[in-house]
Amino acid sequence: MGLILALLFGYGPVVITAWSRVFRIFADTALVREVATEIDIAFDDNPGLKIAVGPGAATFNADRLGVIAVFRGNPLPIDSTAWMTSEADGVIEDIVKRAITECRVDLWLLPTGYPLVVLSHLDGKNIFSAEVLADFHATYTKARSGRIFDQWRCTRHRDNLSNGG
């Protein structure tokens, strides 16, 4: 009996933790399909545009599915996990600002709510500064809202379309 209790208390927390992760994955499956569908629709509706999936304040970490856009030949201009580490190491944010202001992405798919909001695990603050957010809002405008993503279009791209180019 003592051996059974020792195994139960010794391995029980490990088993519960593993199963809780499996249950979370299964619970998110329908949402992941919905996210992937919304990404596919954005591609179908915007042929020829460079589209990227980016970070934002959302309960579901939709930017982790940004690989869908990358596998379709689109850029990954900002990897929020890599940027969090680079920022902590003292890399200046000019790289991120340049990626935004040069319109390297024609259409951003950002989780609905606040775009470019990623709280750092190091200090609990947004990894994107107020200057980066200001550059983003000066360069991109919200073109459409979906259930999962807001679509942010580069204003220069929109201006070129309206001028015939």
C-alpha atoms as a PDB file:
ATOM      1  CA  MET A   1       0.000   0.000   0.000  1.00  0.00           C
ATOM      2  CA  GLY A   2       2.867   2.362   0.836  1.00  0.00           C
ATOM      3  CA  LEU A   3       4.398   1.772  -2.616  1.00  0.00           C
ATOM      4  CA  ILE A   4       1.119   2.602  -4.333  1.00  0.00           C
ATOM      5  CA  LEU A   5       0.761   5.804  -2.311  1.00  0.00           C
ATOM      6  CA  ALA A   6       4.375   6.774  -3.048  1.00  0.00           C
ATOM      7  CA  LEU A   7       3.834   6.253  -6.788  1.00  0.00           C
ATOM      8  CA  LEU A   8       0.545   8.127  -6.677  1.00  0.00           C
ATOM      9  CA  PHE A   9       2.001  11.139  -4.886  1.00  0.00           C
ATOM     10  CA  GLY A  10       5.311  10.969  -6.754  1.00  0.00           C
ATOM     11  CA  TYR A  11       3.998  10.664 -10.287  1.00  0.00           C
ATOM     12  CA  GLY A  12       0.516  12.112  -9.807  1.00  0.00           C
ATOM     13  CA  PRO A  13       1.494  15.768 -10.267  1.00  0.00           C
ATOM     14  CA  VAL A  14       3.549  14.916 -13.366  1.00  0.00           C
ATOM     15  CA  VAL A  15       0.669  12.988 -14.916  1.00  0.00           C
ATOM     16  CA  ILE A  16      -1.853  15.715 -14.061  1.00  0.00           C
ATOM     17  CA  THR A  17       0.390  18.398 -15.572  1.00  0.00           C
ATOM     18  CA  ALA A  18       0.919  16.368 -18.755  1.00  0.00           C
ATOM     19  CA  TRP A  19      -2.768  15.634 -19.167  1.00  0.00           C
ATOM     20  CA  SER A  20      -3.798  19.221 -18.475  1.00  0.00           C
ATOM     21  CA  ARG A  21      -1.549  20.318 -21.359  1.00  0.00           C
ATOM     22  CA  VAL A  22      -3.102  17.684 -23.640  1.00  0.00           C
ATOM     23  CA  PHE A  23      -6.598  18.844 -22.672  1.00  0.00           C
ATOM     24  CA  ARG A  24      -5.642  22.491 -23.386  1.00  0.00           C
ATOM     25  CA  ILE A  25      -4.353  21.492 -26.831  1.00  0.00           C
ATOM     26  CA  PHE A  26      -7.582  19.653 -27.608  1.00  0.00           C
ATOM     27  CA  ALA A  27      -9.635  22.578 -26.306  1.00  0.00           C
ATOM     28  CA  ASP A  28      -7.747  24.966 -28.618  1.00  0.00           C
ATOM     29  CA  THR A  29      -8.110  22.758 -31.710  1.00  0.00           C
ATOM     30  CA  ALA A  30     -11.311  24.405 -32.967  1.00  0.00           C
ATOM     31  CA  LEU A  31      -9.836  27.855 -32.377  1.00  0.00           C
ATOM     32  CA  VAL A  32      -6.627  26.919 -34.205  1.00  0.00           C
ATOM     33  CA  ARG A  33      -8.698  25.783 -37.194  1.00  0.00           C
ATOM     34  CA  GLU A  34     -10.611  29.055 -37.106  1.00  0.00           C
ATOM     35  CA  VAL A  35      -7.362  31.055 -36.978  1.00  0.00           C
ATOM     36  CA  ALA A  36      -5.931  29.084 -39.917  1.00  0.00           C
ATOM     37  CA  THR A  37      -9.141  29.616 -41.886  1.00  0.00           C
ATOM     38  CA  GLU A  38      -9.071  33.365 -41.268  1.00  0.00           C
ATOM     39  CA  ILE A  39      -5.435  33.472 -42.440  1.00  0.00           C
ATOM     40  CA  ASP A  40      -6.345  31.530 -45.594  1.00  0.00           C
ATOM     41  CA  ILE A  41      -9.238  33.893 -46.329  1.00  0.00           C
ATOM     42  CA  ALA A  42      -6.925  36.901 -45.988  1.00  0.00           C
ATOM     43  CA  PHE A  43      -4.596  35.336 -48.562  1.00  0.00           C
ATOM     44  CA  ASP A  44      -7.477  34.554 -50.918  1.00  0.00           C
ATOM     45  CA  ASP A  45      -8.851  38.108 -50.613  1.00  0.00           C
ATOM     46  CA  ASN A  46      -5.436  39.784 -51.107  1.00  0.00           C
ATOM     47  CA  PRO A  47      -3.508  37.983 -53.848  1.00  0.00           C
ATOM     48  CA  GLY A  48      -0.015  39.280 -54.471  1.00  0.00           C
ATOM     49  CA  LEU A  49       0.309  41.140 -51.175  1.00  0.00           C
ATOM     50  CA  LYS A  50       3.015  40.405 -48.609  1.00  0.00           C
ATOM     51  CA  ILE A  51       1.050  39.253 -45.583  1.00  0.00           C
ATOM     52  CA  ALA A  52       2.395  38.579 -42.098  1.00  0.00           C
ATOM     53  CA  VAL A  53       0.820  37.381 -38.877  1.00  0.00           C
ATOM     54  CA  GLY A  54       2.011  39.351 -35.899  1.00  0.00           C
ATOM     55  CA  PRO A  55       1.571  39.738 -32.176  1.00  0.00           C
ATOM     56  CA  GLY A  56      -1.221  41.457 -30.310  1.00  0.00           C
ATOM     57  CA  ALA A  57      -3.107  41.390 -27.045  1.00  0.00           C
ATOM     58  CA  ALA A  58      -5.241  38.278 -27.271  1.00  0.00           C
ATOM     59  CA  THR A  59      -6.139  35.386 -25.050  1.00  0.00           C
ATOM     60  CA  PHE A  60      -5.021  32.992 -27.776  1.00  0.00           C
ATOM     61  CA  ASN A  61      -1.443  33.308 -29.020  1.00  0.00           C
ATOM     62  CA  ALA A  62      -2.419  33.540 -32.687  1.00  0.00           C
ATOM     63  CA  ASP A  63       0.952  34.872 -33.841  1.00  0.00           C
ATOM     64  CA  ARG A  64       2.423  31.405 -33.282  1.00  0.00           C
ATOM     65  CA  LEU A  65       0.573  30.446 -36.474  1.00  0.00           C
ATOM     66  CA  GLY A  66       2.548  33.056 -38.386  1.00  0.00           C
ATOM     67  CA  VAL A  67       4.411  30.183 -39.953  1.00  0.00           C
ATOM     68  CA  ILE A  68       1.403  29.701 -42.240  1.00  0.00           C
ATOM     69  CA  ALA A  69       2.258  32.999 -43.942  1.00  0.00           C
ATOM     70  CA  VAL A  70       5.974  32.184 -43.978  1.00  0.00           C
ATOM     71  CA  PHE A  71       5.361  28.804 -45.610  1.00  0.00           C
ATOM     72  CA  ARG A  72       3.415  30.671 -48.289  1.00  0.00           C
ATOM     73  CA  GLY A  73       6.503  32.728 -49.136  1.00  0.00           C
ATOM     74  CA  ASN A  74       5.833  35.764 -46.970  1.00  0.00           C
ATOM     75  CA  PRO A  75       8.215  37.511 -44.585  1.00  0.00           C
ATOM     76  CA  LEU A  76       8.529  37.090 -40.855  1.00  0.00           C
ATOM     77  CA  PRO A  77       9.580  40.675 -40.160  1.00  0.00           C
ATOM     78  CA  ILE A  78       9.115  40.561 -36.398  1.00  0.00           C
ATOM     79  CA  ASP A  79       9.447  37.483 -34.237  1.00  0.00           C
ATOM     80  CA  SER A  80       8.255  38.691 -30.850  1.00  0.00           C
ATOM     81  CA  THR A  81      10.028  35.928 -28.921  1.00  0.00           C
ATOM     82  CA  ALA A  82      13.349  36.680 -30.614  1.00  0.00           C
ATOM     83  CA  TRP A  83      12.807  40.426 -30.239  1.00  0.00           C
ATOM     84  CA  MET A  84      12.131  40.040 -26.506  1.00  0.00           C
ATOM     85  CA  THR A  85      15.522  38.382 -26.103  1.00  0.00           C
ATOM     86  CA  SER A  86      17.308  40.834 -28.406  1.00  0.00           C
ATOM     87  CA  GLU A  87      15.802  43.820 -26.619  1.00  0.00           C
ATOM     88  CA  ALA A  88      16.931  42.424 -23.265  1.00  0.00           C
ATOM     89  CA  ASP A  89      20.445  42.054 -24.714  1.00  0.00           C
ATOM     90  CA  GLY A  90      20.482  45.745 -25.626  1.00  0.00           C
ATOM     91  CA  VAL A  91      19.797  45.565 -29.374  1.00  0.00           C
ATOM     92  CA  ILE A  92      18.293  48.884 -30.445  1.00  0.00           C
ATOM     93  CA  GLU A  93      14.785  48.877 -31.846  1.00  0.00           C
ATOM     94  CA  ASP A  94      15.710  50.643 -35.092  1.00  0.00           C
ATOM     95  CA  ILE A  95      15.490  47.250 -36.803  1.00  0.00           C
ATOM     96  CA  VAL A  96      11.854  46.830 -35.792  1.00  0.00           C
ATOM     97  CA  LYS A  97      11.019  50.460 -36.609  1.00  0.00           C
ATOM     98  CA  ARG A  98      12.573  50.096 -40.058  1.00  0.00           C
ATOM     99  CA  ALA A  99      10.614  46.906 -40.768  1.00  0.00           C
ATOM    100  CA  ILE A 100       7.438  48.820 -39.967  1.00  0.00           C
ATOM    101  CA  THR A 101       8.102  52.175 -41.635  1.00  0.00           C
ATOM    102  CA  GLU A 102       9.487  50.617 -44.840  1.00  0.00           C
ATOM    103  CA  CYS A 103       6.215  48.683 -45.313  1.00  0.00           C
ATOM    104  CA  ARG A 104       7.996  45.365 -45.644  1.00  0.00           C
ATOM    105  CA  VAL A 105       4.559  43.883 -45.054  1.00  0.00           C
ATOM    106  CA  ASP A 106       1.591  45.062 -47.106  1.00  0.00           C
ATOM    107  CA  LEU A 107      -1.005  43.563 -44.783  1.00  0.00           C
ATOM    108  CA  TRP A 108      -0.540  42.631 -41.128  1.00  0.00           C
ATOM    109  CA  LEU A 109      -2.889  40.157 -39.488  1.00  0.00           C
ATOM    110  CA  LEU A 110      -2.826  41.106 -35.820  1.00  0.00           C
ATOM    111  CA  PRO A 111      -5.045  39.640 -33.113  1.00  0.00           C
ATOM    112  CA  THR A 112      -8.045  41.869 -32.466  1.00  0.00           C
ATOM    113  CA  GLY A 113      -7.578  44.408 -29.749  1.00  0.00           C
ATOM    114  CA  TYR A 114      -4.307  46.158 -29.321  1.00  0.00           C
ATOM    115  CA  PRO A 115      -1.752  45.536 -32.090  1.00  0.00           C
ATOM    116  CA  LEU A 116       1.869  44.824 -31.267  1.00  0.00           C
ATOM    117  CA  VAL A 117       1.347  44.130 -27.584  1.00  0.00           C
ATOM    118  CA  VAL A 118       3.574  41.440 -26.124  1.00  0.00           C
ATOM    119  CA  LEU A 119       4.283  41.524 -22.416  1.00  0.00           C
ATOM    120  CA  SER A 120       7.858  40.646 -21.576  1.00  0.00           C
ATOM    121  CA  HIS A 121       8.463  37.744 -19.239  1.00  0.00           C
ATOM    122  CA  LEU A 122      11.394  39.738 -17.879  1.00  0.00           C
ATOM    123  CA  ASP A 123       9.747  42.962 -16.716  1.00  0.00           C
ATOM    124  CA  GLY A 124       6.027  42.654 -17.563  1.00  0.00           C
ATOM    125  CA  LYS A 125       6.127  45.619 -19.964  1.00  0.00           C
ATOM    126  CA  ASN A 126       5.250  45.680 -23.658  1.00  0.00           C
ATOM    127  CA  ILE A 127       8.345  44.763 -25.673  1.00  0.00           C
ATOM    128  CA  PHE A 128       7.366  47.339 -28.290  1.00  0.00           C
ATOM    129  CA  SER A 129       8.053  50.926 -27.247  1.00  0.00           C
ATOM    130  CA  ALA A 130       5.683  53.850 -27.639  1.00  0.00           C
ATOM    131  CA  GLU A 131       7.835  55.015 -30.587  1.00  0.00           C
ATOM    132  CA  VAL A 132       7.415  51.682 -32.383  1.00  0.00           C
ATOM    133  CA  LEU A 133       3.651  51.795 -31.795  1.00  0.00           C
ATOM    134  CA  ALA A 134       3.513  55.390 -33.065  1.00  0.00           C
ATOM    135  CA  ASP A 135       5.438  54.391 -36.204  1.00  0.00           C
ATOM    136  CA  PHE A 136       3.077  51.486 -36.715  1.00  0.00           C
ATOM    137  CA  HIS A 137      -0.032  53.671 -36.459  1.00  0.00           C
ATOM    138  CA  ALA A 138       1.532  56.283 -38.750  1.00  0.00           C
ATOM    139  CA  THR A 139       2.314  53.633 -41.377  1.00  0.00           C
ATOM    140  CA  TYR A 140      -0.646  51.224 -41.142  1.00  0.00           C
ATOM    141  CA  THR A 141      -4.402  51.661 -40.897  1.00  0.00           C
ATOM    142  CA  LYS A 142      -6.949  49.091 -39.813  1.00  0.00           C
ATOM    143  CA  ALA A 143      -8.681  47.938 -42.992  1.00  0.00           C
ATOM    144  CA  ARG A 144     -10.920  45.202 -41.616  1.00  0.00           C
ATOM    145  CA  SER A 145     -11.762  43.412 -38.400  1.00  0.00           C
ATOM    146  CA  GLY A 146     -12.390  39.704 -38.161  1.00  0.00           C
ATOM    147  CA  ARG A 147     -13.219  37.468 -35.264  1.00  0.00           C
ATOM    148  CA  ILE A 148      -9.561  36.603 -34.645  1.00  0.00           C
ATOM    149  CA  PHE A 149      -7.555  39.188 -36.577  1.00  0.00           C
ATOM    150  CA  ASP A 150      -7.657  42.830 -37.486  1.00  0.00           C
ATOM    151  CA  GLN A 151      -6.151  43.494 -40.899  1.00  0.00           C
ATOM    152  CA  TRP A 152      -3.738  46.428 -40.955  1.00  0.00           C
ATOM    153  CA  ARG A 153      -2.842  47.734 -44.416  1.00  0.00           C
ATOM    154  CA  CYS A 154       0.214  49.827 -45.229  1.00  0.00           C
ATOM    155  CA  THR A 155      -1.028  53.317 -46.076  1.00  0.00           C
ATOM    156  CA  ARG A 156       1.585  53.703 -48.808  1.00  0.00           C
ATOM    157  CA  HIS A 157       0.274  50.534 -50.428  1.00  0.00           C
ATOM    158  CA  ARG A 158      -3.291  51.832 -50.266  1.00  0.00           C
ATOM    159  CA  ASP A 159      -2.200  55.219 -51.656  1.00  0.00           C
ATOM    160  CA  ASN A 160      -0.402  53.493 -54.550  1.00  0.00           C
ATOM    161  CA  LEU A 161      -3.554  51.510 -55.378  1.00  0.00           C
ATOM    162  CA  SER A 162      -5.706  54.640 -55.436  1.00  0.00           C
ATOM    163  CA  ASN A 163      -3.155  56.438 -57.659  1.00  0.00           C
ATOM    164  CA  GLY A 164      -3.224  53.609 -60.184  1.00  0.00           C
ATOM    165  CA  GLY A 165       0.154  52.137 -59.193  1.00  0.00           C
END
